[in-house]
Amino acid sequence: MTKNQNFMHDRSALLLVSIDAFLALVAIVLVSLKLNASQGTSNYIITYRSSLGIDSYMQGTALDIASFMIAAVLIFAFAVVLGYRTYPIKRELSLVVLSLSSVLLILIIIVSNALLILR
């Protein structure tokens, strides 16, 4: 059995890149749909701190919520670049980077959805 020495020929790496691309796309679509569905509303809840009592909600603009889309794109891009650059050093490290970016993208989807539902 031959060992893959190229990132583009490794099925596991390409599967993780595909999963990351799908999750980034889902995050972008969900946030943009929620922003378009609420035209006319300029105040969005951007943070929630339960320990602050009455002042537990902080409001922001749509640009603050759109930063979730930018973060999803940046996480995907950095994960692919880091995965590609670390693949010749150690294959397992590359796969760990790609799988941890999947976890980050899932957390972006959960947090952005929770904040947009609170509005």
Protein backbone atom coordinates (compact mmCIF):
# COMPACT_ATOMS: atom_id res chain seq x y z
CA MET A 1 0.00 0.00 0.00
CA THR A 2 1.44 3.34 -1.02
CA LYS A 3 1.40 6.35 1.21
CA ASN A 4 -0.14 9.54 -0.16
CA GLN A 5 2.44 12.32 -0.24
CA ASN A 6 0.11 14.90 -1.72
CA PHE A 7 -2.63 16.78 0.10
CA MET A 8 -4.86 16.80 -2.96
CA HIS A 9 -4.77 13.00 -3.26
CA ASP A 10 -5.60 12.18 0.35
CA ARG A 11 -9.27 11.22 0.64
CA SER A 12 -9.49 11.95 4.37
CA ALA A 13 -8.09 15.44 3.96
CA LEU A 14 -10.37 16.19 1.03
CA LEU A 15 -13.37 14.89 2.97
CA LEU A 16 -12.57 17.22 5.86
CA VAL A 17 -12.05 20.15 3.47
CA SER A 18 -15.44 19.37 1.90
CA ILE A 19 -17.10 19.24 5.31
CA ASP A 20 -15.50 22.56 6.27
CA ALA A 21 -16.63 24.15 3.00
CA PHE A 22 -20.19 22.90 3.55
CA LEU A 23 -20.27 24.19 7.15
CA ALA A 24 -18.88 27.57 6.12
CA LEU A 25 -21.50 27.82 3.40
CA VAL A 26 -24.26 26.85 5.84
CA ALA A 27 -23.08 29.49 8.32
CA ILE A 28 -23.03 32.18 5.63
CA VAL A 29 -26.45 31.25 4.25
CA LEU A 30 -28.14 31.01 7.65
CA VAL A 31 -26.83 34.36 8.85
CA SER A 32 -27.60 36.13 5.59
CA LEU A 33 -31.14 34.70 5.49
CA LYS A 34 -31.81 35.83 9.04
CA LEU A 35 -30.45 39.30 8.26
CA ASN A 36 -32.59 39.63 5.13
CA ALA A 37 -35.69 38.36 6.88
CA SER A 38 -35.55 41.20 9.38
CA GLN A 39 -35.22 44.25 7.15
CA GLY A 40 -35.99 47.43 8.99
CA THR A 41 -34.66 46.18 12.31
CA SER A 42 -31.31 47.74 13.00
CA ASN A 43 -30.74 46.52 16.55
CA TYR A 44 -29.42 43.01 17.03
CA ILE A 45 -28.40 41.33 20.24
CA ILE A 46 -24.67 40.76 19.97
CA THR A 47 -23.85 39.61 23.50
CA TYR A 48 -25.74 38.16 26.41
CA ARG A 49 -24.34 38.06 29.94
CA SER A 50 -26.70 36.49 32.43
CA SER A 51 -24.73 37.76 35.42
CA LEU A 52 -25.38 41.43 34.60
CA GLY A 53 -29.11 41.38 35.36
CA ILE A 54 -31.02 44.15 33.58
CA ASP A 55 -28.08 45.10 31.37
CA SER A 56 -27.51 41.52 30.22
CA TYR A 57 -28.16 42.28 26.52
CA MET A 58 -25.90 44.47 24.39
CA GLN A 59 -27.26 45.65 21.06
CA GLY A 60 -25.35 46.14 17.83
CA THR A 61 -25.88 46.63 14.12
CA ALA A 62 -26.17 44.21 11.24
CA LEU A 63 -22.44 44.63 10.61
CA ASP A 64 -21.75 43.06 13.99
CA ILE A 65 -23.80 40.01 13.04
CA ALA A 66 -22.24 39.91 9.55
CA SER A 67 -18.89 39.41 11.26
CA PHE A 68 -19.98 35.80 11.82
CA MET A 69 -19.94 35.31 8.05
CA ILE A 70 -16.48 36.84 7.81
CA ALA A 71 -15.27 34.63 10.65
CA ALA A 72 -16.59 31.51 8.89
CA VAL A 73 -14.75 32.39 5.70
CA LEU A 74 -11.53 33.17 7.59
CA ILE A 75 -11.67 29.96 9.60
CA PHE A 76 -12.22 27.93 6.45
CA ALA A 77 -9.40 29.67 4.58
CA PHE A 78 -6.90 29.38 7.43
CA ALA A 79 -7.79 25.73 8.02
CA VAL A 80 -7.22 24.81 4.39
CA VAL A 81 -3.94 26.73 4.24
CA LEU A 82 -2.68 25.29 7.53
CA GLY A 83 -3.81 21.81 6.56
CA TYR A 84 -2.04 22.08 3.22
CA ARG A 85 1.15 23.46 4.76
CA THR A 86 1.32 20.91 7.59
CA TYR A 87 0.53 17.89 5.42
CA PRO A 88 4.15 17.28 4.31
CA ILE A 89 5.32 17.53 7.93
CA LYS A 90 2.75 15.20 9.50
CA ARG A 91 -0.47 13.93 7.96
CA GLU A 92 -2.23 13.50 11.29
CA LEU A 93 -1.54 17.11 12.27
CA SER A 94 -3.13 18.28 9.06
CA LEU A 95 -6.22 16.17 9.73
CA VAL A 96 -6.47 17.50 13.30
CA VAL A 97 -6.34 21.10 12.05
CA LEU A 98 -9.10 20.41 9.53
CA SER A 99 -11.29 18.57 12.03
CA LEU A 100 -10.94 21.28 14.69
CA SER A 101 -11.97 23.88 12.16
CA SER A 102 -15.15 21.86 11.64
CA VAL A 103 -15.87 22.19 15.35
CA LEU A 104 -15.29 25.95 15.17
CA LEU A 105 -17.63 26.31 12.23
CA ILE A 106 -20.33 24.33 14.05
CA LEU A 107 -19.94 26.66 17.04
CA ILE A 108 -20.27 29.70 14.76
CA ILE A 109 -23.52 28.29 13.41
CA ILE A 110 -24.88 27.61 16.90
CA VAL A 111 -23.91 30.97 18.42
CA SER A 112 -25.04 33.10 15.48
CA ASN A 113 -28.36 31.27 15.34
CA ALA A 114 -28.88 31.67 19.09
CA LEU A 115 -28.18 35.40 18.96
CA LEU A 116 -30.43 35.94 15.96
CA ILE A 117 -33.28 34.01 17.57
CA LEU A 118 -33.04 36.15 20.74
CA ARG A 119 -33.69 39.28 18.72
